[in-house]
Amino acid sequence: MDLSYIFPGVDYSVDSILLFQDDGQWWDVLFYFYPQINRDKFDSLPTSQQKTYLRDILQKHYNDNAKSEIDNKVVKYNAHWKLHKNQIEDAFYDAFQCDIKDIFNDVVGNITFNPICPRFLSTRTFDVFYKNSERGALGVSLHELIHFVWFDVWQKHFDDCADEYETPHLKWVFSEMVVDPIMRHDRRLKDINPYFDDGCAYECFYLMSVNNIPILDTLYKMYVGSKNVVEFMEQGYAYCNKYEHEIRTQMQ
């Protein structure tokens, strides 16, 4: 497994940000980090001009404030990854019962101005907000790397449609939950993730319960008690199917 962090340019950041344009909750985060964006002006522009408006502001931000910081982060992120690479490979081998040292060698972490960090399974790429420390960037990366390996093993076993690995499908919901039990079970992962103690999965899952039992505790016991990860995939997904209504109700 290998991971390279790069800065793909301002245009990439703009495209990444616009993926979330229709999500008001996430969009508020953008204006928090970039108060120089005039929200009323942005909203008043036709769609064809919004991208140009954002690009002009973020290009100026890059030129005036962020270039040296991003150059520095590229070096620090890659060095921190290399420091922990072997440890992560060993932990993933135990979690997924497959040797990943010679696969997943094309993963890319795109350092962007987007405070929200999407991931793209088909290209094995994901975004990292440039304000993250190297420890924070690794925490984000661990979450996404678990997804990449999880769905690779999943598809080889179930031979299903990869379209169902994205929101709002239940397979996506389940995959977001399992990050916690996988990381919780292995100190080699959780100890290098600065986000673990505050939650390495979505907050709603830590508040979710079925039959008055926290759902992540149930999945953790299921994960630890399974003879291999495929058995956990089968049992855990069956559980999520059974209680899908309760899960989705608590995600709202």
Protein backbone atom coordinates (compact mmCIF):
# COMPACT_ATOMS: atom_id res chain seq x y z
CA MET A 1 0.00 0.00 0.00
CA ASP A 2 1.22 3.46 -0.81
CA LEU A 3 -0.27 6.90 -0.52
CA SER A 4 0.88 10.16 -2.02
CA TYR A 5 -0.38 13.58 -0.97
CA ILE A 6 -0.46 16.22 -3.69
CA PHE A 7 -1.87 19.69 -4.29
CA PRO A 8 -3.88 19.35 -7.52
CA GLY A 9 -4.49 23.08 -7.95
CA VAL A 10 -7.16 25.64 -7.19
CA ASP A 11 -9.56 24.49 -9.92
CA TYR A 12 -9.72 21.05 -8.34
CA SER A 13 -10.64 22.61 -4.99
CA VAL A 14 -13.44 24.59 -6.59
CA ASP A 15 -14.87 21.49 -8.26
CA SER A 16 -14.64 19.58 -4.97
CA ILE A 17 -16.44 22.34 -3.06
CA LEU A 18 -19.23 22.56 -5.62
CA LEU A 19 -20.03 18.88 -5.09
CA PHE A 20 -21.65 19.99 -1.83
CA GLN A 21 -23.40 23.10 -3.09
CA ASP A 22 -26.89 21.71 -2.45
CA ASP A 23 -26.12 20.61 1.11
CA GLY A 24 -26.83 23.60 3.34
CA GLN A 25 -25.33 22.02 6.46
CA TRP A 26 -21.95 21.45 4.83
CA TRP A 27 -22.07 24.64 2.81
CA ASP A 28 -22.14 26.68 6.04
CA VAL A 29 -18.70 25.28 6.88
CA LEU A 30 -17.27 26.80 3.71
CA PHE A 31 -18.36 30.31 4.64
CA TYR A 32 -16.95 29.86 8.12
CA PHE A 33 -13.46 29.18 6.78
CA TYR A 34 -13.67 31.72 3.96
CA PRO A 35 -15.51 34.84 5.20
CA GLN A 36 -14.20 36.68 2.14
CA ILE A 37 -16.82 34.80 0.10
CA ASN A 38 -19.91 37.00 -0.04
CA ARG A 39 -22.72 34.53 0.37
CA ASP A 40 -25.44 36.86 -0.90
CA LYS A 41 -23.41 37.62 -3.99
CA PHE A 42 -22.63 33.96 -4.59
CA ASP A 43 -26.30 33.01 -4.26
CA SER A 44 -27.34 35.78 -6.65
CA LEU A 45 -25.01 34.67 -9.42
CA PRO A 46 -26.16 32.32 -12.17
CA THR A 47 -24.69 28.83 -11.84
CA SER A 48 -22.37 29.45 -14.77
CA GLN A 49 -20.70 32.34 -12.88
CA GLN A 50 -20.54 30.84 -9.39
CA LYS A 51 -17.59 28.64 -10.27
CA THR A 52 -15.63 31.60 -11.65
CA TYR A 53 -16.43 33.66 -8.55
CA LEU A 54 -15.16 30.95 -6.23
CA ARG A 55 -12.08 30.31 -8.34
CA ASP A 56 -11.09 33.99 -8.30
CA ILE A 57 -11.41 34.22 -4.52
CA LEU A 58 -9.58 30.96 -3.80
CA GLN A 59 -6.83 31.71 -6.31
CA LYS A 60 -6.19 35.01 -4.52
CA HIS A 61 -6.27 33.19 -1.18
CA TYR A 62 -3.71 30.72 -2.50
CA ASN A 63 -1.43 33.39 -3.92
CA ASP A 64 -1.62 35.74 -0.91
CA ASN A 65 -1.87 33.37 2.04
CA ALA A 66 -1.73 29.65 1.42
CA LYS A 67 0.95 28.69 -1.12
CA SER A 68 3.85 28.27 1.30
CA GLU A 69 1.62 26.53 3.84
CA ILE A 70 0.41 24.02 1.27
CA ASP A 71 3.94 23.39 -0.02
CA ASN A 72 4.96 22.67 3.55
CA LYS A 73 1.97 20.40 4.15
CA VAL A 74 2.78 18.29 1.06
CA VAL A 75 6.19 17.52 2.58
CA LYS A 76 4.91 16.94 6.12
CA TYR A 77 1.93 14.77 5.12
CA ASN A 78 4.04 12.47 2.97
CA ALA A 79 6.76 12.15 5.61
CA HIS A 80 4.23 11.32 8.33
CA TRP A 81 2.61 8.68 6.13
CA LYS A 82 5.96 7.02 5.44
CA LEU A 83 6.71 6.99 9.15
CA HIS A 84 3.60 4.91 9.86
CA LYS A 85 3.15 3.03 6.58
CA ASN A 86 4.43 -0.37 7.74
CA GLN A 87 2.39 -0.20 10.93
CA ILE A 88 -0.77 0.56 8.96
CA GLU A 89 -0.11 -2.23 6.45
CA ASP A 90 0.32 -4.75 9.27
CA ALA A 91 -2.90 -3.61 10.95
CA PHE A 92 -4.83 -3.80 7.70
CA TYR A 93 -3.47 -7.27 7.01
CA ASP A 94 -4.89 -8.47 10.34
CA ALA A 95 -8.20 -6.64 9.84
CA PHE A 96 -8.90 -7.83 6.29
CA GLN A 97 -6.93 -11.09 6.13
CA CYS A 98 -5.25 -10.07 2.90
CA ASP A 99 -1.77 -8.84 2.10
CA ILE A 100 -2.12 -5.29 0.83
CA LYS A 101 1.58 -4.45 0.65
CA ASP A 102 1.69 -4.92 -3.11
CA ILE A 103 -1.76 -3.50 -3.91
CA PHE A 104 -3.39 -0.12 -3.32
CA ASN A 105 -0.14 1.51 -4.40
CA ASP A 106 -1.92 4.25 -6.32
CA VAL A 107 -3.88 6.01 -3.56
CA VAL A 108 -3.80 9.80 -3.71
CA GLY A 109 -4.72 12.31 -1.03
CA ASN A 110 -5.61 15.61 -2.67
CA ILE A 111 -4.82 18.58 -0.45
CA THR A 112 -7.59 21.09 -1.07
CA PHE A 113 -9.38 24.19 0.16
CA ASN A 114 -12.50 22.10 0.73
CA PRO A 115 -13.15 21.68 4.49
CA ILE A 116 -15.31 18.68 3.60
CA CYS A 117 -13.32 15.68 2.46
CA PRO A 118 -15.03 13.47 -0.15
CA ARG A 119 -13.58 10.17 -1.27
CA PHE A 120 -13.80 8.49 -4.66
CA LEU A 121 -13.68 4.71 -4.67
CA SER A 122 -13.27 4.30 -8.42
CA THR A 123 -10.08 6.35 -8.53
CA ARG A 124 -8.82 5.60 -5.00
CA THR A 125 -8.53 9.29 -4.25
CA PHE A 126 -9.79 11.44 -1.42
CA ASP A 127 -9.54 15.04 -0.27
CA VAL A 128 -7.75 16.42 2.78
CA PHE A 129 -8.37 19.96 4.04
CA TYR A 130 -5.13 21.93 3.90
CA LYS A 131 -5.57 23.24 7.45
CA ASN A 132 -5.10 19.73 8.86
CA SER A 133 -1.89 18.91 10.69
CA GLU A 134 0.05 15.90 9.46
CA ARG A 135 -1.51 13.88 12.30
CA GLY A 136 -4.96 15.06 11.31
CA ALA A 137 -4.32 14.26 7.66
CA LEU A 138 -3.34 10.73 8.63
CA GLY A 139 -6.53 10.38 10.69
CA VAL A 140 -8.62 11.36 7.66
CA SER A 141 -6.58 9.01 5.50
CA LEU A 142 -7.09 6.01 7.79
CA HIS A 143 -10.85 6.47 7.54
CA GLU A 144 -10.73 6.56 3.75
CA LEU A 145 -8.21 3.73 3.39
CA ILE A 146 -10.50 1.50 5.44
CA HIS A 147 -13.25 2.26 2.92
CA PHE A 148 -11.03 1.44 -0.05
CA VAL A 149 -9.93 -1.93 1.31
CA TRP A 150 -13.36 -2.72 2.78
CA PHE A 151 -15.15 -2.33 -0.53
CA ASP A 152 -12.44 -4.17 -2.44
CA VAL A 153 -12.90 -7.20 -0.18
CA TRP A 154 -16.68 -6.70 -0.18
CA GLN A 155 -17.01 -6.66 -3.96
CA LYS A 156 -14.81 -9.71 -4.40
CA HIS A 157 -17.09 -11.59 -2.02
CA PHE A 158 -20.55 -10.29 -2.96
CA ASP A 159 -19.90 -9.40 -6.64
CA ASP A 160 -22.52 -6.63 -6.46
CA CYS A 161 -22.94 -3.18 -7.96
CA ALA A 162 -20.48 -0.52 -6.86
CA ASP A 163 -23.18 2.14 -7.26
CA GLU A 164 -24.64 0.83 -4.01
CA TYR A 165 -21.46 1.77 -2.13
CA GLU A 166 -22.45 5.42 -2.15
CA THR A 167 -25.02 7.42 -0.22
CA PRO A 168 -27.90 6.87 0.43
CA HIS A 169 -27.62 3.09 0.04
CA LEU A 170 -27.52 0.91 3.15
CA LYS A 171 -24.19 -0.60 2.08
CA TRP A 172 -22.72 2.88 2.31
CA VAL A 173 -24.30 3.45 5.73
CA PHE A 174 -22.87 0.17 7.01
CA SER A 175 -19.43 0.99 5.61
CA GLU A 176 -19.42 4.29 7.48
CA MET A 177 -20.27 2.50 10.72
CA VAL A 178 -17.58 -0.17 10.48
CA VAL A 179 -14.72 2.34 10.56
CA ASP A 180 -15.19 2.55 14.33
CA PRO A 181 -15.05 -1.17 15.26
CA ILE A 182 -12.14 -1.83 12.90
CA MET A 183 -10.13 1.03 14.35
CA ARG A 184 -11.26 0.45 17.94
CA HIS A 185 -10.00 -3.13 17.82
CA ASP A 186 -6.44 -2.25 16.80
CA ARG A 187 -4.21 0.10 18.78
CA ARG A 188 -1.91 0.40 15.78
CA LEU A 189 -4.66 2.35 14.06
CA LYS A 190 -6.48 4.21 16.80
CA ASP A 191 -3.31 5.40 18.54
CA ILE A 192 -2.16 7.30 15.44
CA ASN A 193 -5.59 8.77 14.71
CA PRO A 194 -6.04 12.04 16.62
CA TYR A 195 -9.77 11.96 15.81
CA PHE A 196 -10.41 8.55 17.33
CA ASP A 197 -11.31 9.66 20.86
CA ASP A 198 -13.83 12.20 19.58
CA GLY A 199 -15.23 9.81 16.98
CA CYS A 200 -13.70 8.38 13.81
CA ALA A 201 -17.14 7.77 12.26
CA TYR A 202 -20.10 10.10 11.78
CA GLU A 203 -21.42 11.58 15.01
CA CYS A 204 -24.94 10.20 14.50
CA PHE A 205 -23.67 6.62 14.81
CA TYR A 206 -22.35 7.29 18.32
CA LEU A 207 -25.80 8.48 19.34
CA MET A 208 -27.62 5.61 17.65
CA SER A 209 -29.05 2.60 19.47
CA VAL A 210 -31.20 -0.41 18.64
CA ASN A 211 -33.14 -2.06 21.45
CA ASN A 212 -31.44 0.38 23.85
CA ILE A 213 -27.97 -0.91 22.92
CA PRO A 214 -25.53 1.45 21.15
CA ILE A 215 -25.28 0.22 17.58
CA LEU A 216 -21.51 0.62 17.39
CA ASP A 217 -21.12 -1.54 20.50
CA THR A 218 -23.22 -4.23 18.84
CA LEU A 219 -21.14 -4.07 15.67
CA TYR A 220 -17.90 -4.08 17.65
CA LYS A 221 -18.87 -7.29 19.47
CA MET A 222 -19.92 -8.78 16.16
CA TYR A 223 -16.62 -7.79 14.55
CA VAL A 224 -14.49 -9.17 17.38
CA GLY A 225 -16.52 -12.38 17.48
CA SER A 226 -16.37 -13.07 13.73
CA LYS A 227 -13.87 -15.61 12.42
CA ASN A 228 -12.98 -13.29 9.53
CA VAL A 229 -14.00 -9.98 8.01
CA VAL A 230 -16.25 -11.59 5.40
CA GLU A 231 -18.31 -13.26 8.11
CA PHE A 232 -18.60 -9.88 9.81
CA MET A 233 -19.70 -8.29 6.54
CA GLU A 234 -22.46 -10.86 6.14
CA GLN A 235 -23.66 -10.73 9.75
CA GLY A 236 -23.32 -6.99 10.13
CA TYR A 237 -25.15 -6.19 6.92
CA ALA A 238 -27.94 -8.61 7.81
CA TYR A 239 -28.27 -6.78 11.14
CA CYS A 240 -28.43 -3.41 9.37
CA ASN A 241 -31.05 -4.75 6.97
CA LYS A 242 -33.16 -5.98 9.86
CA TYR A 243 -33.04 -2.64 11.64
CA GLU A 244 -32.83 -0.33 8.63
CA HIS A 245 -35.87 1.69 9.66
CA GLU A 246 -34.45 2.38 13.13
CA ILE A 247 -31.06 3.28 11.65
CA ARG A 248 -32.39 5.69 9.05
CA THR A 249 -34.77 7.31 11.51
CA GLN A 250 -31.83 8.11 13.80
CA MET A 251 -29.70 9.44 10.95
CA GLN A 252 -32.13 12.27 10.28
